[in-house]
Amino acid sequence: MLIEFSVANYRSFKEQVTFSMVAANLIAKYKKLDENNVFEIDKELKLLKSAAIYGANASGKSNLATALGFMRWFMINSSKETQSTEKIGVERFKLSTETEEQPSFFEIVFLMNGKRYRYGFEATIDKVVSEWLFYIPKSKETKLFERKLDKISVSKTYKGDGIQQKTRHNALFLSVSAQFNVQIAEKILDWLANRVKLVSGLDDSGYQGYTVNCLTNNKNKDEIFQLLKKLDLGFADVKVEESEITADSFPRELPDEIKNFIIKNGSRKVISVQTMHQKFDDKGNPVSTEMFDLDEQESEGTQKVFSLAGLLVDTLKNGNALIIDEFDARIHPLISRAIVELFNSNETNPNNAQLIFMTHDTNLLNNKFFRRDQIWFTEKNRYGATDLYSLAEYKIPDDASFESDYIQGRYGAIPYIGNLNHLIDSHG
């Protein structure tokens, strides 16, 4: 379970901001939201099942997902992907002289196997400046390891002593520990790699293969079909076909030597996804079916929902966390709402999976749908730095119209558009 994520001096984030899935001490107007949208870990901690992040274009919404994506990638790969001379791919905040010599900061707090962990690091493009891992075995936070440049102190519980000398200046101690079979490090990286997924809603085609793989291997096949049918995408069935690649599989204009090279060195299989549509006679009676190619004949919205379907089902079944940037791109607001409702439900989300998404879809800004602590905003100040804050920070009446108030600018995080009347000179 994801609890918190913090970042500073990275892209548009100058000062440290913290995104939290911790449920605030508030009572929603509609009782069902408190019953369905929140789950209890213990008497002191309740978490949210979903959260929406709003903000103007270029306000930093995507940068939050990018920051978590970079942290995740660096944790999993720093020991094996980077050589001793390679730079670290952090992108500091560039619009202030204050941050030029400062490291970028990343920290994640999460629950794994019933215990709370807090891990973070600071890094420049040249080196890891600091790194830390703490956990709460019972009631008190305890250090597992702490690093300041090349000085790394390790607790006995962590069982990573001796690995300090094997850790390069541009690699994370956690990542190196996992390579040397330190069990805690291995479990953390496995949790991050398999239990936390990030998707860009503008480039989700990579997950089409995941859904296809689920269907061909009978993994969650029935649930994926049910989801696709209930979202009313206009087709009755889906067929996945696998065939051998031949010279005829390529466009005619492609040179023969390139075709032969791909056939020889690439995958020998090509997979096509087809959707089944009903065909009717002139009296409206169904007479046969037609097969449409998903990539060629279906809309981009249909392709996106298909790509996400396998991931959504897997996330819900296993109680994972899913972060989707540009969530509303190319899909109807009612489909967006239906997907969020899957997570905000004890019935369809019994394992407390979490959905975090960046969106412009104000239809979801509704006090019948979200608690105030589930709604977040990003806004840039006059110096180009992003602030991140929750609607729970505002004292507003229970019957407030979240959507109307947001559009009117009462919460900030909207574009302020200038007068466009004289943009085009009608006199030439």
Protein backbone atom coordinates (compact mmCIF):
# COMPACT_ATOMS: atom_id res chain seq x y z
CA MET A 1 0.00 0.00 0.00
CA LEU A 2 1.25 3.46 -0.88
CA ILE A 3 1.13 5.89 2.06
CA GLU A 4 3.11 8.96 0.98
CA PHE A 5 5.47 10.23 -1.70
CA SER A 6 7.64 13.34 -1.36
CA VAL A 7 9.87 15.15 -3.85
CA ALA A 8 11.95 18.35 -3.92
CA ASN A 9 14.28 20.08 -6.38
CA TYR A 10 13.10 17.96 -9.29
CA ARG A 11 11.65 19.37 -12.51
CA SER A 12 8.98 21.90 -11.48
CA PHE A 13 9.20 21.06 -7.76
CA LYS A 14 11.50 23.46 -5.92
CA GLU A 15 10.45 23.08 -2.28
CA GLN A 16 9.48 19.68 -0.88
CA VAL A 17 5.89 18.62 -1.57
CA THR A 18 4.19 15.53 -0.17
CA PHE A 19 1.37 13.58 -1.76
CA SER A 20 -0.46 11.46 0.82
CA MET A 21 -2.96 8.62 0.67
CA VAL A 22 -3.56 8.93 4.42
CA ALA A 23 -7.24 9.59 5.13
CA ALA A 24 -7.75 12.92 6.88
CA ASN A 25 -9.75 13.17 10.08
CA LEU A 26 -12.95 14.31 8.39
CA ILE A 27 -16.46 13.05 7.81
CA ALA A 28 -17.90 13.18 4.30
CA LYS A 29 -21.41 14.50 3.66
CA TYR A 30 -22.39 11.08 2.33
CA LYS A 31 -21.68 8.24 4.77
CA LYS A 32 -21.08 5.68 2.01
CA LEU A 33 -17.88 7.54 1.03
CA ASP A 34 -16.40 7.01 4.49
CA GLU A 35 -17.41 3.34 4.33
CA ASN A 36 -16.23 2.58 0.77
CA ASN A 37 -13.42 5.01 -0.11
CA VAL A 38 -11.35 4.47 3.05
CA PHE A 39 -9.81 1.39 4.64
CA GLU A 40 -8.29 0.93 8.06
CA ILE A 41 -4.78 -0.39 8.62
CA ASP A 42 -4.84 0.04 12.41
CA LYS A 43 -6.35 2.40 14.97
CA GLU A 44 -3.94 5.16 13.99
CA LEU A 45 -3.82 4.77 10.20
CA LYS A 46 -6.54 4.84 7.56
CA LEU A 47 -5.74 4.98 3.85
CA LEU A 48 -7.62 6.12 0.75
CA LYS A 49 -8.51 3.83 -2.14
CA SER A 50 -8.25 6.55 -4.78
CA ALA A 51 -7.07 10.11 -5.34
CA ALA A 52 -7.45 12.58 -8.21
CA ILE A 53 -4.91 15.30 -8.99
CA TYR A 54 -6.11 18.43 -10.84
CA GLY A 55 -4.26 21.43 -12.19
CA ALA A 56 -3.77 23.67 -15.19
CA ASN A 57 -1.69 22.53 -18.14
CA ALA A 58 2.03 22.74 -17.28
CA SER A 59 1.25 23.04 -13.55
CA GLY A 60 3.27 19.95 -12.59
CA LYS A 61 0.71 17.11 -12.46
CA SER A 62 2.71 14.90 -14.82
CA ASN A 63 5.95 15.81 -13.05
CA LEU A 64 4.65 14.13 -9.90
CA ALA A 65 4.17 10.87 -11.82
CA THR A 66 7.53 11.36 -13.54
CA ALA A 67 9.25 11.89 -10.19
CA LEU A 68 7.80 8.66 -8.77
CA GLY A 69 8.68 6.90 -12.02
CA PHE A 70 12.29 8.08 -11.85
CA MET A 71 12.61 7.08 -8.20
CA ARG A 72 11.19 3.65 -8.95
CA TRP A 73 13.48 3.14 -11.97
CA PHE A 74 16.60 4.28 -10.10
CA MET A 75 15.84 2.05 -7.09
CA ILE A 76 15.37 -1.01 -9.30
CA ASN A 77 18.20 -0.36 -11.77
CA SER A 78 20.92 1.85 -10.27
CA SER A 79 23.25 -1.00 -9.33
CA LYS A 80 23.11 -2.72 -12.69
CA GLU A 81 22.27 -0.08 -15.30
CA THR A 82 24.71 2.67 -14.37
CA GLN A 83 28.44 2.37 -14.81
CA SER A 84 30.81 4.24 -12.50
CA THR A 85 31.23 7.08 -15.01
CA GLU A 86 27.55 7.51 -15.92
CA LYS A 87 25.48 10.46 -14.76
CA ILE A 88 22.35 10.04 -12.64
CA GLY A 89 19.23 11.11 -14.52
CA VAL A 90 17.89 13.60 -12.00
CA GLU A 91 16.55 16.89 -13.36
CA ARG A 92 16.87 19.62 -10.74
CA PHE A 93 14.59 22.67 -10.56
CA LYS A 94 16.23 25.07 -13.05
CA LEU A 95 14.48 28.38 -12.36
CA SER A 96 16.31 29.34 -9.17
CA THR A 97 19.94 29.96 -8.24
CA GLU A 98 19.18 28.43 -4.82
CA THR A 99 18.78 24.91 -6.23
CA GLU A 100 21.76 24.86 -8.60
CA GLU A 101 24.10 23.11 -6.16
CA GLN A 102 21.43 21.27 -4.17
CA PRO A 103 20.58 17.56 -4.61
CA SER A 104 17.14 16.33 -5.68
CA PHE A 105 15.11 14.70 -2.90
CA PHE A 106 12.84 11.64 -3.10
CA GLU A 107 11.05 9.72 -0.33
CA ILE A 108 8.37 7.05 -0.31
CA VAL A 109 6.42 5.65 2.65
CA PHE A 110 4.62 2.36 2.12
CA LEU A 111 3.18 -0.74 3.77
CA MET A 112 4.69 -4.11 2.94
CA ASN A 113 3.81 -7.36 4.69
CA GLY A 114 2.00 -5.44 7.39
CA LYS A 115 4.95 -3.19 8.28
CA ARG A 116 5.44 0.48 7.45
CA TYR A 117 8.67 1.45 5.64
CA ARG A 118 10.16 4.88 4.85
CA TYR A 119 12.85 4.99 2.17
CA GLY A 120 14.46 7.93 0.45
CA PHE A 121 17.57 9.40 -1.11
CA GLU A 122 19.10 12.66 -2.26
CA ALA A 123 21.12 12.73 -5.47
CA THR A 124 22.83 15.07 -7.92
CA ILE A 125 23.69 14.07 -11.48
CA ASP A 126 27.10 12.94 -10.17
CA LYS A 127 26.44 11.09 -6.93
CA VAL A 128 24.07 9.85 -4.26
CA VAL A 129 24.40 12.39 -1.43
CA SER A 130 22.32 10.61 1.19
CA GLU A 131 20.06 7.57 1.51
CA TRP A 132 17.97 6.11 4.31
CA LEU A 133 15.64 3.24 5.16
CA PHE A 134 13.52 3.05 8.33
CA TYR A 135 10.66 0.79 9.35
CA ILE A 136 8.21 0.31 12.20
CA PRO A 137 8.45 -3.30 13.43
CA LYS A 138 5.96 -2.70 16.27
CA SER A 139 5.31 0.87 17.37
CA LYS A 140 8.55 2.84 17.07
CA GLU A 141 10.37 3.79 13.84
CA THR A 142 13.71 1.96 13.64
CA LYS A 143 16.71 2.54 11.39
CA LEU A 144 17.67 -0.18 8.93
CA PHE A 145 20.45 1.84 7.27
CA GLU A 146 21.55 5.43 6.80
CA ARG A 147 24.03 6.89 4.33
CA LYS A 148 25.91 10.17 4.03
CA LEU A 149 27.93 10.09 0.81
CA ASP A 150 30.22 7.04 1.17
CA LYS A 151 29.59 6.52 4.90
CA ILE A 152 26.86 3.92 5.37
CA SER A 153 25.75 2.69 8.81
CA VAL A 154 23.77 -0.56 8.75
CA SER A 155 21.68 -2.18 11.48
CA LYS A 156 22.01 -5.87 12.30
CA THR A 157 18.40 -6.45 11.24
CA TYR A 158 19.18 -5.34 7.67
CA LYS A 159 21.96 -7.95 7.30
CA GLY A 160 23.82 -5.90 4.70
CA ASP A 161 27.15 -5.28 6.42
CA GLY A 162 30.09 -5.49 4.01
CA ILE A 163 28.10 -4.28 1.01
CA GLN A 164 29.06 -0.65 1.75
CA GLN A 165 32.42 -1.13 0.01
CA LYS A 166 30.69 -2.53 -3.09
CA THR A 167 28.40 0.53 -3.49
CA ARG A 168 29.52 3.09 -6.10
CA HIS A 169 29.01 6.82 -5.58
CA ASN A 170 26.31 6.83 -8.30
CA ALA A 171 24.42 3.71 -7.15
CA LEU A 172 21.88 3.23 -4.37
CA PHE A 173 22.88 1.05 -1.42
CA LEU A 174 19.39 -0.49 -1.46
CA SER A 175 19.80 -1.52 -5.08
CA VAL A 176 23.27 -3.00 -4.51
CA SER A 177 21.99 -4.80 -1.38
CA ALA A 178 19.29 -6.50 -3.45
CA GLN A 179 21.93 -7.71 -5.91
CA PHE A 180 23.78 -9.32 -3.00
CA ASN A 181 20.60 -11.06 -1.81
CA VAL A 182 19.75 -8.90 1.20
CA GLN A 183 16.22 -10.11 1.80
CA ILE A 184 14.64 -6.81 2.92
CA ALA A 185 16.08 -4.98 -0.11
CA GLU A 186 14.91 -7.73 -2.48
CA LYS A 187 11.37 -7.59 -1.08
CA ILE A 188 11.20 -3.78 -1.35
CA LEU A 189 12.34 -3.77 -4.97
CA ASP A 190 9.98 -6.63 -5.80
CA TRP A 191 7.10 -4.68 -4.19
CA LEU A 192 8.01 -1.58 -6.17
CA ALA A 193 8.43 -3.41 -9.47
CA ASN A 194 5.33 -5.60 -9.25
CA ARG A 195 2.89 -3.86 -6.91
CA VAL A 196 3.22 -0.24 -8.15
CA LYS A 197 2.43 0.47 -11.80
CA LEU A 198 2.70 3.79 -13.64
CA VAL A 199 0.91 4.49 -16.91
CA SER A 200 0.75 7.55 -19.13
CA GLY A 201 -2.76 7.95 -20.51
CA LEU A 202 -1.25 9.46 -23.68
CA ASP A 203 1.06 6.50 -24.26
CA ASP A 204 -0.60 3.41 -22.86
CA SER A 205 0.00 1.17 -25.89
CA GLY A 206 2.76 -0.67 -24.02
CA TYR A 207 0.12 -2.17 -21.74
CA GLN A 208 -1.91 -3.54 -24.65
CA GLY A 209 0.60 -6.38 -24.70
CA TYR A 210 -0.09 -6.99 -21.00
CA THR A 211 -3.83 -7.39 -21.64
CA VAL A 212 -3.14 -9.61 -24.66
CA ASN A 213 -0.79 -11.74 -22.57
CA CYS A 214 -3.48 -12.14 -19.90
CA LEU A 215 -6.01 -13.27 -22.51
CA THR A 216 -3.69 -15.73 -24.26
CA ASN A 217 -2.55 -17.24 -20.93
CA ASN A 218 -6.05 -17.36 -19.41
CA LYS A 219 -4.97 -15.00 -16.62
CA ASN A 220 -8.02 -13.06 -15.39
CA LYS A 221 -9.55 -13.69 -18.83
CA ASP A 222 -13.19 -13.80 -17.67
CA GLU A 223 -12.84 -10.66 -15.55
CA ILE A 224 -11.21 -8.74 -18.43
CA PHE A 225 -14.03 -9.76 -20.81
CA GLN A 226 -16.64 -8.74 -18.24
CA LEU A 227 -15.00 -5.36 -17.75
CA LEU A 228 -14.77 -4.65 -21.48
CA LYS A 229 -18.42 -5.65 -22.00
CA LYS A 230 -19.75 -3.59 -19.11
CA LEU A 231 -17.94 -0.48 -20.29
CA ASP A 232 -20.08 -0.61 -23.48
CA LEU A 233 -17.38 -0.39 -26.14
CA GLY A 234 -19.72 -1.67 -28.85
CA PHE A 235 -18.35 -5.15 -29.48
CA ALA A 236 -19.59 -8.56 -28.35
CA ASP A 237 -16.31 -10.43 -28.03
CA VAL A 238 -12.54 -10.21 -28.44
CA LYS A 239 -10.30 -12.69 -30.24
CA VAL A 240 -6.52 -12.80 -30.00
CA GLU A 241 -4.78 -14.56 -32.87
CA GLU A 242 -1.13 -15.51 -33.12
CA SER A 243 0.45 -16.13 -36.53
CA GLU A 244 3.88 -16.64 -38.08
CA ILE A 245 5.62 -13.59 -39.54
CA THR A 246 6.15 -13.87 -43.29
CA ALA A 247 7.27 -11.42 -45.97
CA ASP A 248 3.58 -10.71 -46.63
CA SER A 249 3.17 -9.40 -43.05
CA PHE A 250 5.03 -6.18 -43.95
CA PRO A 251 4.08 -3.17 -46.09
CA ARG A 252 4.98 -3.68 -49.76
CA GLU A 253 7.22 -0.61 -49.85
CA LEU A 254 9.51 -2.01 -47.15
CA PRO A 255 12.76 -3.29 -48.78
CA ASP A 256 13.17 -7.08 -48.90
CA GLU A 257 16.49 -6.99 -47.00
CA ILE A 258 14.79 -5.24 -44.04
CA LYS A 259 11.90 -7.74 -44.12
CA ASN A 260 14.33 -10.66 -44.11
CA PHE A 261 16.43 -9.12 -41.32
CA ILE A 262 13.35 -8.70 -39.09
CA ILE A 263 12.13 -12.23 -39.82
CA LYS A 264 15.56 -13.65 -39.09
CA ASN A 265 16.43 -11.65 -35.97
CA GLY A 266 13.11 -10.63 -34.44
CA SER A 267 10.16 -12.48 -33.03
CA ARG A 268 8.70 -15.09 -35.41
CA LYS A 269 5.18 -14.45 -34.11
CA VAL A 270 2.75 -11.63 -34.75
CA ILE A 271 -0.31 -11.15 -32.54
CA SER A 272 -3.48 -9.48 -33.74
CA VAL A 273 -6.47 -8.47 -31.61
CA GLN A 274 -9.89 -8.51 -33.25
CA THR A 275 -13.22 -7.33 -31.91
CA MET A 276 -16.48 -9.04 -32.87
CA HIS A 277 -19.42 -6.88 -34.01
CA GLN A 278 -22.98 -7.92 -34.81
CA LYS A 279 -24.19 -7.49 -38.41
CA PHE A 280 -27.91 -6.80 -39.10
CA ASP A 281 -30.26 -7.11 -42.07
CA ASP A 282 -32.56 -4.36 -43.37
CA LYS A 283 -35.21 -5.28 -40.76
CA GLY A 284 -32.76 -4.95 -37.85
CA ASN A 285 -32.36 -8.68 -37.30
CA PRO A 286 -28.88 -10.01 -36.42
CA VAL A 287 -27.61 -12.16 -39.28
CA SER A 288 -23.87 -12.61 -38.78
CA THR A 289 -20.76 -11.11 -37.21
CA GLU A 290 -17.90 -8.98 -38.50
CA MET A 291 -14.39 -8.91 -37.08
CA PHE A 292 -12.62 -5.54 -36.69
CA ASP A 293 -8.87 -5.11 -36.18
CA LEU A 294 -8.39 -3.37 -32.82
CA ASP A 295 -5.46 -1.19 -33.97
CA GLU A 296 -6.81 -0.35 -37.41
CA GLN A 297 -10.60 -0.17 -37.06
CA GLU A 298 -11.40 0.70 -33.47
CA SER A 299 -11.23 4.17 -31.91
CA GLU A 300 -8.26 5.34 -29.87
CA GLY A 301 -10.55 5.40 -26.82
CA THR A 302 -11.44 1.73 -27.30
CA GLN A 303 -7.76 0.89 -27.75
CA LYS A 304 -6.92 2.72 -24.51
CA VAL A 305 -9.61 0.95 -22.46
CA PHE A 306 -8.48 -2.42 -23.87
CA SER A 307 -4.86 -1.61 -22.98
CA LEU A 308 -5.80 -0.70 -19.41
CA ALA A 309 -8.25 -3.57 -18.85
CA GLY A 310 -5.71 -6.25 -17.92
CA LEU A 311 -3.86 -3.88 -15.61
CA LEU A 312 -7.06 -2.69 -13.90
CA VAL A 313 -8.23 -6.24 -13.18
CA ASP A 314 -4.79 -7.31 -11.94
CA THR A 315 -4.53 -4.24 -9.68
CA LEU A 316 -7.95 -4.84 -8.13
CA LYS A 317 -7.39 -8.58 -7.59
CA ASN A 318 -3.98 -8.21 -5.96
CA GLY A 319 -4.50 -5.01 -3.97
CA ASN A 320 -1.79 -3.13 -5.91
CA ALA A 321 -1.30 0.58 -6.57
CA LEU A 322 -1.88 2.06 -10.03
CA ILE A 323 -0.89 5.60 -11.07
CA ILE A 324 -2.33 6.89 -14.36
CA ASP A 325 -1.27 10.23 -15.84
CA GLU A 326 -3.66 11.92 -18.33
CA PHE A 327 -6.34 9.51 -17.14
CA ASP A 328 -9.19 11.21 -19.02
CA ALA A 329 -7.40 11.39 -22.38
CA ARG A 330 -9.42 9.74 -25.16
CA ILE A 331 -12.08 8.12 -22.96
CA HIS A 332 -15.63 9.22 -22.12
CA PRO A 333 -16.26 10.80 -18.68
CA LEU A 334 -18.73 8.03 -17.80
CA ILE A 335 -16.08 5.36 -18.46
CA SER A 336 -13.60 7.31 -16.32
CA ARG A 337 -16.17 7.45 -13.54
CA ALA A 338 -16.97 3.73 -13.85
CA ILE A 339 -13.27 2.85 -13.50
CA VAL A 340 -12.87 5.03 -10.40
CA GLU A 341 -16.04 3.51 -8.92
CA LEU A 342 -14.45 0.07 -9.20
CA PHE A 343 -11.81 1.26 -6.70
CA ASN A 344 -14.21 3.25 -4.48
CA SER A 345 -16.19 0.15 -3.56
CA ASN A 346 -15.89 -2.55 -0.92
CA GLU A 347 -17.58 -4.97 -3.30
CA THR A 348 -15.36 -4.57 -6.37
CA ASN A 349 -12.22 -3.61 -4.42
CA PRO A 350 -12.14 -5.94 -1.39
CA ASN A 351 -8.31 -6.06 -1.41
CA ASN A 352 -7.94 -2.29 -1.06
CA ALA A 353 -6.17 -1.58 -4.33
CA GLN A 354 -5.27 2.08 -4.88
CA LEU A 355 -5.83 4.27 -7.94
CA ILE A 356 -4.07 7.65 -8.29
CA PHE A 357 -4.69 9.65 -11.42
CA MET A 358 -3.95 13.03 -12.99
CA THR A 359 -6.92 14.50 -14.83
CA HIS A 360 -8.81 17.54 -16.15
CA ASP A 361 -12.18 15.76 -15.93
CA THR A 362 -14.20 18.00 -13.60
CA ASN A 363 -17.19 15.63 -13.76
CA LEU A 364 -15.41 13.65 -11.03
CA LEU A 365 -15.20 16.72 -8.76
CA ASN A 366 -18.30 15.78 -6.84
CA ASN A 367 -18.98 15.47 -3.11
CA LYS A 368 -21.17 12.42 -3.83
CA PHE A 369 -18.17 10.71 -5.37
CA PHE A 370 -15.05 11.87 -3.52
CA ARG A 371 -14.11 12.92 -0.01
CA ARG A 372 -12.17 16.19 0.17
CA ASP A 373 -8.92 14.39 1.06
CA GLN A 374 -9.13 12.43 -2.21
CA ILE A 375 -8.86 15.60 -4.30
CA TRP A 376 -5.46 17.20 -4.89
CA PHE A 377 -4.28 20.23 -6.86
CA THR A 378 -1.04 21.37 -8.48
CA GLU A 379 -0.38 25.06 -9.06
CA LYS A 380 2.70 26.98 -10.16
CA ASN A 381 3.68 30.19 -8.44
CA ARG A 382 5.09 33.28 -10.18
CA TYR A 383 8.59 31.77 -9.95
CA GLY A 384 7.63 28.63 -11.89
CA ALA A 385 7.64 26.29 -8.87
CA THR A 386 4.84 23.75 -8.32
CA ASP A 387 2.86 23.57 -5.10
CA LEU A 388 0.81 20.46 -4.28
CA TYR A 389 -2.13 20.65 -1.86
CA SER A 390 -5.33 18.85 -0.93
CA LEU A 391 -8.93 20.05 -0.86
CA ALA A 392 -8.96 18.81 2.76
CA GLU A 393 -6.91 21.92 3.60
CA TYR A 394 -9.93 24.12 2.76
CA LYS A 395 -12.71 24.79 5.22
CA ILE A 396 -15.78 24.52 3.03
CA PRO A 397 -19.41 23.59 3.72
CA ASP A 398 -20.55 19.98 3.32
CA ASP A 399 -22.84 20.86 0.44
CA ALA A 400 -20.22 22.83 -1.53
CA SER A 401 -20.09 22.20 -5.27
CA PHE A 402 -16.49 21.06 -5.77
CA GLU A 403 -16.70 21.32 -9.57
CA SER A 404 -18.32 24.76 -9.75
CA ASP A 405 -16.03 26.21 -7.09
CA TYR A 406 -12.96 24.81 -8.82
CA ILE A 407 -13.91 26.25 -12.22
CA GLN A 408 -14.52 29.62 -10.55
CA GLY A 409 -10.97 29.52 -9.18
CA ARG A 410 -11.78 29.20 -5.47
CA TYR A 411 -9.17 26.46 -5.01
CA GLY A 412 -6.62 27.81 -7.50
CA ALA A 413 -4.96 25.30 -9.86
CA ILE A 414 -6.72 26.60 -13.00
CA PRO A 415 -5.36 28.49 -16.02
CA TYR A 416 -5.99 32.25 -15.95
CA ILE A 417 -6.74 33.04 -19.57
CA GLY A 418 -6.21 36.57 -20.87
CA ASN A 419 -8.57 38.59 -23.06
CA LEU A 420 -8.59 37.03 -26.52
CA ASN A 421 -10.92 39.57 -28.17
CA HIS A 422 -8.20 41.35 -30.14
CA LEU A 423 -6.04 38.32 -30.87
CA ILE A 424 -6.82 38.38 -34.61
CA ASP A 425 -6.65 41.72 -36.41
CA SER A 426 -9.77 41.73 -38.60
CA HIS A 427 -8.44 44.62 -40.71
CA GLY A 428 -5.40 42.73 -41.91
